[in-house]
C-alpha cells in the first residue's frame, strides 16, 4: 500500500497530546503541564510506548516492535516499582503498556530512558452517530427477502468479482466495533474478541447506546449468500468481531487502549483487514500501533468521517486506508469528510 505523508497539523497536535514534560520544581510553581492535565482528565489512564536501551536494538525492521517480549516484561516491572504504574494490559506487537498512574508521576514516567511516549487514554465515538444519517432503523435492510444485492455492493462491482470466482474465501476480516450478533441468520462469525476485558468471549453486540452498530457493519462486509436478507461485499470471507465500544454514561464510546488491544489480537490471529467506524483527533500511540500492524500484514480500514469537513483520525493516518462516502450517483454527500488522505470512496447513503 502507498503511505501518505501525515497532515502537517498532526505534529503539533502530537506534541500537545504527549505534552512537554516539565521538572517537578516547575510544577510546584504552578507552571502548566499539558501531560499532567491530560492524565487528570483521563482519570489516570495512560498508554506507555516503550523504547529499547539494549545496544543495537534501535535498528528495527518494518513491523517489528520497539522492544522484545522479554525486555517489555522487565521494563514493565521496573516502571511499576519506580512510578507506581499499575499495568492493566499490554500490546507487545507495538511495545506498549496500558495502565493507570497518578498525574503527579506522569512527567517522571515520561522522562524514563525506556519510555518513548506517555499518552493519556481517551474515549472515541462512532463516526456516524449524531450526523445527518438516519440511524432510527439499522435493521431495515436485513428484512429484505431473497438475498437482495444492495446498490452499494453493485456499485463497487462486487458481482463482477464474484463471477470470477472470488467471494472473499480465505480472507480474514474483522469489524472492530460494538461486537457482533452470533445468532444472526445472515452472518457467520468465525470468532471474536472483547478488547475491553481482553478475552476471546463476551463479544456480543449488546451495548444499548450502540444500537447494533457492529452487526450492521459486519452485514455490509460479509452478509451471507443464503437465500434471505442481503448479500455482503465478501460473503465467504472469514468474519470476526472485535468489541471495543462500551456503555460510558449512556453513550457508545471506545478507549484508545481498547482499539490498540483490538489490533494486537487481530495481528496475533492473522486477520488481514480490520474495519473501524471510529473518528476523532490525532493519537500518536494509535498511529504507531497502526503502522506496526500494517508492517505485520494487518491493515486498518477506517471511515473518513461524517462531519462534512477534514478527514478524522485514524482514517487520516498515513498507515491506514481511509474510505469516504458517495451516493448512488457516485457524488459525495455533503456530510462525508474529504481530503487528500482519502484512499477510496464507496456507497454510504
Foldseek 3Di string as FASTA:
>chain_A
DFFDDFDPVQVVVQCLQQWDQDDPVVVVVVDDTSQLVLCVVLVQKKKWAWADPPPPLVDDDFLAARDAPVVLVVVVVVCCVPFVWAFDDAQNSHRMTITGGHSSSSSVSCPDPTTPTMGRKDKWAFQPPPFPDDPPDLCPQQQFFFAAADLQLVVVVLVVVVVVVALAAPAFEEEAFAAEACPDPFDHAPFEAELVNGGRDPRYNPAVQCPRVRHSVVQQAAGANDGTGHGHSRNNHHYYYYHAWHQDVNHTIGILSSVLSSLSVCLVVVHQEYEYRIFDADDPSSLSSQRSSVSSRHAYEYEQHFQQEAGTPPLSRSSHAYEWEADSVRHHDSRTYDDPSHDYYTHDD
